Amino acid sequence: MLTGVFDLLTPQAAVQAVEQAFDLTLDGMVFPYPSYVNRVYGLRSDEGTELIAKFYRPERWTREAVEEEHRFVTECAAADIPVVAPLPDPDGDTVGELVVDDREREENFLFALYPKKGGRNFDAEEDDHWFRLGAIVGRCHLVGRKQPARHRLELSPELTFAYLDELLDEEVVHPDCRAELDELCRSTLQALRPLFEGTGFQRIHGDCHRGNILERPGEGLLLIDFDDMMNAPPVQDLWLLLPDHAAECRRELTMMLEGYEQFVPFARDTLILIEPLRFMRIVYFLTWRARQRHDHWFKREHPHWGSKAFWLAEIEDLRSQRQVMVDEGTLAQDRPSSR
């Protein structure tokens, strides 16, 4: 379980770290941006250049893992894929490090600096919109398949088992819900293992939902935020874009695949992984929320997280998602609930 928090990171410390690492003079204005995992600040140089500084959550990634993220994005930019590549410091490095010590404890913050590129949300509705989404993902995956990411996670049931164990070991699950959550997730993941055997894994974006694809008027789509980059089946970057379960989105999925396959082949037999990956993402999301539960902002924004009612609702969501897989034939009929 990660213990690093952002309590020691102040906007002033962030500004000073960026100025020192990138040999810049900033005008002192700091604009915090909402971020699920990291801390992101809008900055401006004294010459008026707008910048974005991203400070990674302590202990989440090693420096090597962050460098692999940056390398992938830079390779995409070199292939003329619309992404936002990190800026290098005077020595050519894209990863800075800030160490903050308040005499009681010490935190190390890795950070990166980017040019600011705005855009608006891209609400896909027409066939051409879904084609364009598939095309930008396909272009990204064409670059991603050229080499592996050796310091990044591999998205498989084994990783989700590790997340489940983390939740249970940390005793964040309400005692009345612990056994049910354990049995439900463990039996489902065990049943999913054979589906991933022989599946091709490669570098992908990892968190390619529609919030991470913007439209820039006059320029087109922009793929942002590679923080969750991983080795995974390529279908992971497609199902997150769908507005509903795969069975309800056949037209959208068909058009995305047409756009995707303009640039790289797609293994159609991996479409069966969509709903299993959705189940695994629920567990992933729970684990990441658990890792943030000691943050002051999290306690303020989610005061009921971890209650019995919370876990009962999450278990019901997991059961519903398992039933989707049963209905589509991915899993055998679920056993009767013990509840």
Protein backbone atom coordinates (compact mmCIF):
# COMPACT_ATOMS: atom_id res chain seq x y z
CA MET A 1 0.00 0.00 0.00
CA LEU A 2 1.37 3.42 -0.93
CA THR A 3 1.82 5.90 1.88
CA GLY A 4 3.14 8.94 0.05
CA VAL A 5 0.91 12.01 0.28
CA PHE A 6 1.00 15.60 -0.93
CA ASP A 7 0.77 17.29 2.48
CA LEU A 8 4.33 18.66 2.20
CA LEU A 9 3.92 19.99 -1.33
CA THR A 10 2.96 23.65 -1.39
CA PRO A 11 2.41 25.79 -4.51
CA GLN A 12 5.41 27.89 -3.49
CA ALA A 13 7.64 24.81 -3.28
CA ALA A 14 6.36 23.67 -6.67
CA VAL A 15 7.18 27.04 -8.28
CA GLN A 16 10.69 27.09 -6.81
CA ALA A 17 11.36 23.52 -7.93
CA VAL A 18 10.32 24.25 -11.52
CA GLU A 19 12.34 27.46 -11.67
CA GLN A 20 15.46 25.75 -10.40
CA ALA A 21 15.18 22.59 -12.50
CA PHE A 22 14.29 24.28 -15.80
CA ASP A 23 16.25 27.52 -15.33
CA LEU A 24 13.09 29.60 -15.60
CA THR A 25 11.72 32.72 -14.00
CA LEU A 26 8.00 32.42 -13.30
CA ASP A 27 5.62 35.28 -12.56
CA GLY A 28 4.46 33.66 -9.29
CA MET A 29 0.90 32.89 -10.38
CA VAL A 30 -0.22 29.32 -9.64
CA PHE A 31 -3.44 27.80 -11.00
CA PRO A 32 -4.28 24.39 -9.45
CA TYR A 33 -5.94 21.90 -11.81
CA PRO A 34 -8.12 18.99 -10.69
CA SER A 35 -6.28 15.69 -10.86
CA TYR A 36 -7.36 12.22 -9.74
CA VAL A 37 -3.88 11.03 -8.70
CA ASN A 38 -1.24 13.73 -9.10
CA ARG A 39 -0.91 17.45 -8.37
CA VAL A 40 -1.09 19.65 -11.44
CA TYR A 41 -0.40 23.39 -11.53
CA GLY A 42 -0.77 25.97 -14.26
CA LEU A 43 2.25 28.31 -14.29
CA ARG A 44 3.40 31.23 -16.38
CA SER A 45 6.86 32.49 -17.19
CA ASP A 46 7.72 36.14 -16.79
CA GLU A 47 7.61 36.32 -20.59
CA GLY A 48 3.99 35.14 -20.61
CA THR A 49 4.51 31.53 -21.72
CA GLU A 50 1.86 29.29 -20.13
CA LEU A 51 3.07 25.98 -18.70
CA ILE A 52 1.72 22.95 -16.85
CA ALA A 53 3.70 21.30 -14.03
CA LYS A 54 2.76 17.77 -12.99
CA PHE A 55 3.97 16.46 -9.63
CA TYR A 56 3.64 12.70 -9.37
CA ARG A 57 2.23 11.08 -6.27
CA PRO A 58 5.16 10.01 -4.05
CA GLU A 59 6.09 6.34 -4.27
CA ARG A 60 3.68 5.60 -7.10
CA TRP A 61 6.27 5.34 -9.87
CA THR A 62 10.02 4.96 -9.95
CA ARG A 63 12.04 7.45 -11.94
CA GLU A 64 12.59 4.75 -14.58
CA ALA A 65 8.83 4.24 -14.91
CA VAL A 66 8.22 7.98 -15.37
CA GLU A 67 11.01 8.15 -17.93
CA GLU A 68 9.32 5.34 -19.86
CA GLU A 69 6.08 7.34 -19.90
CA HIS A 70 7.93 10.36 -21.23
CA ARG A 71 9.77 8.27 -23.82
CA PHE A 72 6.50 6.87 -25.16
CA VAL A 73 4.90 10.30 -25.42
CA THR A 74 8.00 11.73 -27.08
CA GLU A 75 8.00 8.87 -29.60
CA CYS A 76 4.35 9.58 -30.35
CA ALA A 77 5.12 13.27 -30.89
CA ALA A 78 7.98 12.35 -33.24
CA ALA A 79 5.47 10.30 -35.25
CA ASP A 80 3.27 13.42 -35.59
CA ILE A 81 0.63 12.05 -33.24
CA PRO A 82 -1.11 14.95 -31.42
CA VAL A 83 0.12 14.56 -27.83
CA VAL A 84 1.70 16.90 -25.28
CA ALA A 85 5.34 15.93 -24.81
CA PRO A 86 7.27 16.92 -21.65
CA LEU A 87 9.79 19.72 -21.91
CA PRO A 88 13.48 18.95 -21.33
CA ASP A 89 15.57 20.81 -18.78
CA PRO A 90 18.92 22.39 -19.78
CA ASP A 91 20.57 18.95 -19.47
CA GLY A 92 17.97 17.24 -21.65
CA ASP A 93 16.18 15.47 -18.77
CA THR A 94 12.38 15.54 -18.55
CA VAL A 95 12.04 14.32 -14.95
CA GLY A 96 12.77 16.67 -12.05
CA GLU A 97 12.85 15.79 -8.37
CA LEU A 98 11.87 17.84 -5.33
CA VAL A 99 12.78 16.67 -1.83
CA VAL A 100 10.81 18.25 1.03
CA ASP A 101 11.77 17.62 4.64
CA ASP A 102 9.80 19.10 7.55
CA ARG A 103 12.08 17.44 10.16
CA GLU A 104 9.41 14.85 10.98
CA ARG A 105 9.36 13.14 7.60
CA GLU A 106 10.60 13.48 4.06
CA GLU A 107 8.80 13.22 0.74
CA ASN A 108 10.33 12.96 -2.73
CA PHE A 109 8.26 14.38 -5.57
CA LEU A 110 9.08 13.56 -9.18
CA PHE A 111 7.75 16.20 -11.56
CA ALA A 112 7.57 17.19 -15.21
CA LEU A 113 6.87 20.38 -17.14
CA TYR A 114 4.67 20.67 -20.23
CA PRO A 115 3.56 23.41 -22.61
CA LYS A 116 -0.05 24.32 -21.98
CA LYS A 117 -2.41 23.11 -24.68
CA GLY A 118 -6.09 23.64 -24.14
CA GLY A 119 -9.02 22.00 -25.82
CA ARG A 120 -12.64 21.08 -25.36
CA ASN A 121 -14.24 17.75 -24.57
CA PHE A 122 -14.90 15.65 -27.64
CA ASP A 123 -18.42 14.25 -27.49
CA ALA A 124 -18.52 11.50 -30.09
CA GLU A 125 -21.95 11.06 -31.63
CA GLU A 126 -21.62 10.46 -35.38
CA ASP A 127 -19.90 7.53 -37.10
CA ASP A 128 -17.06 9.79 -38.23
CA HIS A 129 -16.40 10.81 -34.63
CA TRP A 130 -15.94 7.19 -33.54
CA PHE A 131 -13.75 6.56 -36.58
CA ARG A 132 -11.50 9.47 -35.54
CA LEU A 133 -11.24 8.13 -31.97
CA GLY A 134 -10.22 4.72 -33.25
CA ALA A 135 -7.70 6.29 -35.61
CA ILE A 136 -5.83 8.27 -32.95
CA VAL A 137 -5.67 5.21 -30.69
CA GLY A 138 -4.43 3.09 -33.60
CA ARG A 139 -1.67 5.57 -34.38
CA CYS A 140 -0.63 5.57 -30.73
CA HIS A 141 -0.56 1.77 -30.63
CA LEU A 142 1.51 1.59 -33.82
CA VAL A 143 4.23 3.43 -31.90
CA GLY A 144 3.58 1.50 -28.70
CA ARG A 145 4.17 -1.91 -30.22
CA LYS A 146 7.76 -1.05 -31.24
CA GLN A 147 9.24 -1.77 -27.80
CA PRO A 148 8.06 -2.84 -24.33
CA ALA A 149 7.91 -0.77 -21.15
CA ARG A 150 10.07 -2.73 -18.70
CA HIS A 151 9.24 -0.66 -15.63
CA ARG A 152 5.48 -0.45 -16.14
CA LEU A 153 2.60 -2.61 -14.96
CA GLU A 154 1.13 -5.47 -16.98
CA LEU A 155 -2.65 -5.42 -17.01
CA SER A 156 -3.77 -8.98 -16.30
CA PRO A 157 -5.86 -10.81 -13.68
CA GLU A 158 -2.62 -11.33 -11.72
CA LEU A 159 -2.32 -7.58 -11.21
CA THR A 160 -5.94 -7.40 -10.07
CA PHE A 161 -5.34 -10.25 -7.60
CA ALA A 162 -2.53 -8.12 -6.15
CA TYR A 163 -4.90 -5.14 -5.84
CA LEU A 164 -7.48 -7.31 -4.10
CA ASP A 165 -4.88 -8.62 -1.66
CA GLU A 166 -3.82 -5.05 -0.97
CA LEU A 167 -7.36 -4.02 -0.08
CA LEU A 168 -7.79 -6.99 2.24
CA ASP A 169 -4.36 -6.78 3.85
CA GLU A 170 -4.83 -3.10 4.66
CA GLU A 171 -8.19 -3.88 6.30
CA VAL A 172 -9.97 -1.07 4.52
CA VAL A 173 -12.95 -3.31 3.70
CA HIS A 174 -15.70 -3.29 6.33
CA PRO A 175 -15.52 -6.55 8.36
CA ASP A 176 -19.11 -7.46 7.46
CA CYS A 177 -18.29 -7.22 3.74
CA ARG A 178 -14.77 -8.63 3.65
CA ALA A 179 -15.57 -12.31 3.04
CA GLU A 180 -18.16 -11.58 0.36
CA LEU A 181 -15.87 -9.19 -1.54
CA ASP A 182 -13.00 -11.66 -1.32
CA GLU A 183 -15.03 -14.61 -2.61
CA LEU A 184 -16.71 -12.65 -5.39
CA CYS A 185 -13.52 -11.08 -6.75
CA ARG A 186 -11.27 -14.08 -6.28
CA SER A 187 -13.64 -16.55 -7.96
CA THR A 188 -14.27 -14.16 -10.85
CA LEU A 189 -10.61 -13.38 -11.45
CA GLN A 190 -9.77 -17.06 -11.33
CA ALA A 191 -12.36 -17.69 -14.04
CA LEU A 192 -10.94 -14.82 -16.14
CA ARG A 193 -7.37 -16.10 -16.17
CA PRO A 194 -7.77 -18.41 -19.20
CA LEU A 195 -9.17 -15.55 -21.30
CA PHE A 196 -5.85 -13.70 -21.09
CA GLU A 197 -3.66 -16.66 -22.02
CA GLY A 198 -1.88 -16.07 -25.31
CA THR A 199 -3.10 -12.47 -25.51
CA GLY A 200 -0.64 -9.98 -26.97
CA PHE A 201 0.52 -7.24 -24.62
CA GLN A 202 2.11 -3.96 -25.66
CA ARG A 203 2.61 -0.37 -24.55
CA ILE A 204 -0.72 1.46 -24.48
CA HIS A 205 -2.08 4.71 -23.04
CA GLY A 206 -3.81 2.78 -20.24
CA ASP A 207 -6.43 5.34 -19.23
CA CYS A 208 -7.86 6.28 -22.61
CA HIS A 209 -11.30 7.52 -21.60
CA ARG A 210 -12.95 10.44 -23.35
CA GLY A 211 -11.77 12.88 -20.70
CA ASN A 212 -8.22 12.29 -21.95
CA ILE A 213 -8.99 13.09 -25.58
CA LEU A 214 -9.61 16.74 -26.33
CA GLU A 215 -10.55 18.53 -29.52
CA ARG A 216 -8.58 21.60 -30.53
CA PRO A 217 -10.53 23.75 -33.00
CA GLY A 218 -8.77 23.85 -36.34
CA GLU A 219 -6.29 21.14 -35.32
CA GLY A 220 -8.17 17.98 -34.43
CA LEU A 221 -7.97 15.55 -31.53
CA LEU A 222 -5.34 15.70 -28.80
CA LEU A 223 -4.42 12.65 -26.68
CA ILE A 224 -3.32 13.65 -23.17
CA ASP A 225 -2.25 12.23 -19.78
CA PHE A 226 -0.16 9.07 -20.26
CA ASP A 227 0.31 8.68 -16.51
CA ASP A 228 -1.30 5.20 -16.49
CA MET A 229 0.72 3.94 -19.46
CA MET A 230 1.11 0.17 -19.20
CA ASN A 231 1.66 -3.09 -21.04
CA ALA A 232 -1.79 -4.45 -21.83
CA PRO A 233 -4.08 -5.88 -24.51
CA PRO A 234 -4.76 -3.04 -26.98
CA VAL A 235 -8.53 -3.39 -26.44
CA GLN A 236 -8.07 -1.67 -23.06
CA ASP A 237 -7.64 1.67 -24.83
CA LEU A 238 -10.83 1.18 -26.85
CA TRP A 239 -13.46 -0.04 -24.39
CA LEU A 240 -12.92 2.92 -22.07
CA LEU A 241 -14.18 5.18 -24.85
CA LEU A 242 -17.51 3.37 -25.17
CA PRO A 243 -20.61 4.98 -23.62
CA ASP A 244 -22.05 1.66 -22.38
CA HIS A 245 -21.39 -2.07 -22.23
CA ALA A 246 -19.96 -3.57 -25.40
CA ALA A 247 -23.19 -5.37 -26.32
CA GLU A 248 -24.98 -2.00 -26.39
CA CYS A 249 -22.30 -0.23 -28.45
CA ARG A 250 -21.81 -2.39 -31.52
CA ARG A 251 -22.05 0.53 -33.96
CA GLU A 252 -19.59 2.69 -32.02
CA LEU A 253 -17.17 -0.20 -31.61
CA THR A 254 -17.37 -1.11 -35.30
CA MET A 255 -16.53 2.44 -36.36
CA MET A 256 -13.67 2.71 -33.86
CA LEU A 257 -12.15 -0.51 -35.16
CA GLU A 258 -12.41 0.76 -38.74
CA GLY A 259 -10.45 3.85 -37.78
CA TYR A 260 -8.00 1.84 -35.69
CA GLU A 261 -7.23 -0.65 -38.44
CA GLN A 262 -6.27 2.12 -40.85
CA PHE A 263 -2.97 2.09 -38.97
CA VAL A 264 -2.51 -1.22 -37.16
CA PRO A 265 -4.22 -4.65 -37.16
CA PHE A 266 -6.55 -5.50 -34.29
CA ALA A 267 -7.10 -8.98 -32.86
CA ARG A 268 -10.90 -9.27 -32.92
CA ASP A 269 -10.87 -12.25 -30.56
CA THR A 270 -9.73 -9.91 -27.76
CA LEU A 271 -13.11 -8.12 -27.78
CA ILE A 272 -14.18 -10.80 -25.30
CA LEU A 273 -11.90 -9.07 -22.77
CA ILE A 274 -13.93 -5.85 -22.65
CA GLU A 275 -16.30 -6.75 -19.83
CA PRO A 276 -13.59 -8.63 -17.83
CA LEU A 277 -11.42 -5.53 -18.07
CA ARG A 278 -14.33 -3.45 -16.79
CA PHE A 279 -14.62 -5.75 -13.75
CA MET A 280 -10.88 -5.47 -13.14
CA ARG A 281 -11.03 -1.68 -13.38
CA ILE A 282 -13.59 -1.52 -10.56
CA VAL A 283 -11.09 -3.29 -8.28
CA TYR A 284 -8.29 -1.04 -9.53
CA PHE A 285 -10.33 2.07 -8.79
CA LEU A 286 -11.14 0.85 -5.28
CA THR A 287 -7.46 0.24 -4.60
CA TRP A 288 -6.45 3.68 -5.78
CA ARG A 289 -9.11 5.29 -3.65
CA ALA A 290 -7.83 3.30 -0.68
CA ARG A 291 -4.31 4.61 -1.33
CA GLN A 292 -5.61 8.17 -1.10
CA ARG A 293 -7.74 7.73 2.01
CA HIS A 294 -5.24 9.50 4.29
CA ASP A 295 -5.09 12.64 2.15
CA HIS A 296 -6.80 15.64 3.74
CA TRP A 297 -8.70 16.48 0.54
CA PHE A 298 -9.93 12.91 0.22
CA LYS A 299 -11.28 12.82 3.77
CA ARG A 300 -13.07 16.09 3.09
CA GLU A 301 -14.53 15.11 -0.28
CA HIS A 302 -15.39 11.48 0.55
CA PRO A 303 -16.36 11.33 4.24
CA HIS A 304 -18.36 8.09 3.82
CA TRP A 305 -15.74 6.19 1.86
CA GLY A 306 -15.10 2.81 3.49
CA SER A 307 -18.38 2.58 5.41
CA LYS A 308 -20.46 -0.60 5.37
CA ALA A 309 -22.99 1.03 3.05
CA PHE A 310 -20.17 2.01 0.70
CA TRP A 311 -18.81 -1.54 0.47
CA LEU A 312 -22.26 -3.07 0.04
CA ALA A 313 -22.84 -0.78 -2.94
CA GLU A 314 -19.45 -1.68 -4.44
CA ILE A 315 -20.11 -5.39 -4.04
CA GLU A 316 -23.45 -4.95 -5.80
CA ASP A 317 -21.69 -3.18 -8.69
CA LEU A 318 -19.18 -6.03 -8.94
CA ARG A 319 -21.97 -8.61 -8.90
CA SER A 320 -23.80 -6.72 -11.63
CA GLN A 321 -20.66 -6.60 -13.75
CA ARG A 322 -20.10 -10.31 -13.24
CA GLN A 323 -23.68 -10.94 -14.37
CA VAL A 324 -22.98 -8.99 -17.57
CA MET A 325 -20.18 -11.45 -18.29
CA VAL A 326 -22.48 -14.39 -17.52
CA ASP A 327 -25.18 -13.00 -19.82
CA GLU A 328 -22.74 -12.56 -22.72
CA GLY A 329 -21.32 -16.05 -22.19
CA THR A 330 -17.89 -14.99 -21.00
CA LEU A 331 -18.40 -16.70 -17.62
CA ALA A 332 -20.42 -19.68 -16.46
CA GLN A 333 -23.63 -19.03 -14.55
CA ASP A 334 -22.93 -17.32 -11.24
CA ARG A 335 -23.48 -19.30 -8.08
CA PRO A 336 -26.40 -18.23 -5.86
CA SER A 337 -25.50 -15.38 -3.54
CA SER A 338 -24.95 -16.17 0.12
CA ARG A 339 -26.55 -12.87 1.09
